[in-house]
Amino acid sequence: MKNNQQSILDYFGVDSQKELLEFMQEHPEDKDVLTLKELIIRTENGGDTDE
């Protein structure tokens, strides 16, 4: 089975978590950054049980 998943770092075109954080700070209104922030919040809160 072929793995078609793309890493978050690859998706944002960065090489490290530090670069990803810098990208997120530089582009706070980017729709993908906002989605990633929402996913992080949900993960920290134990997941979204409403869906």
Protein backbone atom coordinates (compact mmCIF):
# COMPACT_ATOMS: atom_id res chain seq x y z
CA MET A 1 0.00 0.00 0.00
CA LYS A 2 1.39 3.39 -0.99
CA ASN A 3 1.48 6.10 1.68
CA ASN A 4 0.10 9.35 0.23
CA GLN A 5 0.26 11.31 3.47
CA GLN A 6 2.22 14.54 3.52
CA SER A 7 3.93 15.82 6.64
CA ILE A 8 2.88 19.15 8.09
CA LEU A 9 6.44 20.42 7.60
CA ASP A 10 6.35 19.46 3.92
CA TYR A 11 2.90 20.98 3.49
CA PHE A 12 4.09 24.35 4.76
CA GLY A 13 7.45 24.07 2.97
CA VAL A 14 9.60 24.25 6.09
CA ASP A 15 12.35 22.03 7.47
CA SER A 16 11.77 22.20 11.22
CA GLN A 17 9.20 22.89 13.89
CA LYS A 18 10.99 26.17 14.60
CA GLU A 19 10.51 27.25 10.98
CA LEU A 20 6.87 26.19 11.15
CA LEU A 21 6.31 28.33 14.25
CA GLU A 22 8.00 31.27 12.53
CA PHE A 23 5.78 30.77 9.46
CA MET A 24 2.69 30.66 11.67
CA GLN A 25 3.73 33.90 13.40
CA GLU A 26 4.41 35.61 10.07
CA HIS A 27 1.09 34.46 8.55
CA PRO A 28 -1.44 34.49 11.42
CA GLU A 29 -4.47 34.90 9.12
CA ASP A 30 -3.51 32.18 6.61
CA LYS A 31 -6.42 29.72 6.39
CA ASP A 32 -4.12 26.70 6.73
CA VAL A 33 -2.39 28.24 9.77
CA LEU A 34 -5.78 28.89 11.37
CA THR A 35 -6.82 25.28 10.69
CA LEU A 36 -3.59 23.97 12.19
CA LYS A 37 -4.06 26.13 15.30
CA GLU A 38 -7.61 24.78 15.70
CA LEU A 39 -6.35 21.19 15.42
CA ILE A 40 -3.67 21.87 18.03
CA ILE A 41 -6.24 23.36 20.42
CA ARG A 42 -8.54 20.37 19.94
CA THR A 43 -5.68 17.95 20.59
CA GLU A 44 -4.65 19.79 23.75
CA ASN A 45 -8.25 19.67 24.96
CA GLY A 46 -8.45 15.90 24.50
CA GLY A 47 -10.10 15.93 21.10
CA ASP A 48 -13.40 17.19 19.80
CA THR A 49 -16.25 15.04 21.08
CA ASP A 50 -18.99 16.99 19.28
CA GLU A 51 -18.27 15.47 15.87
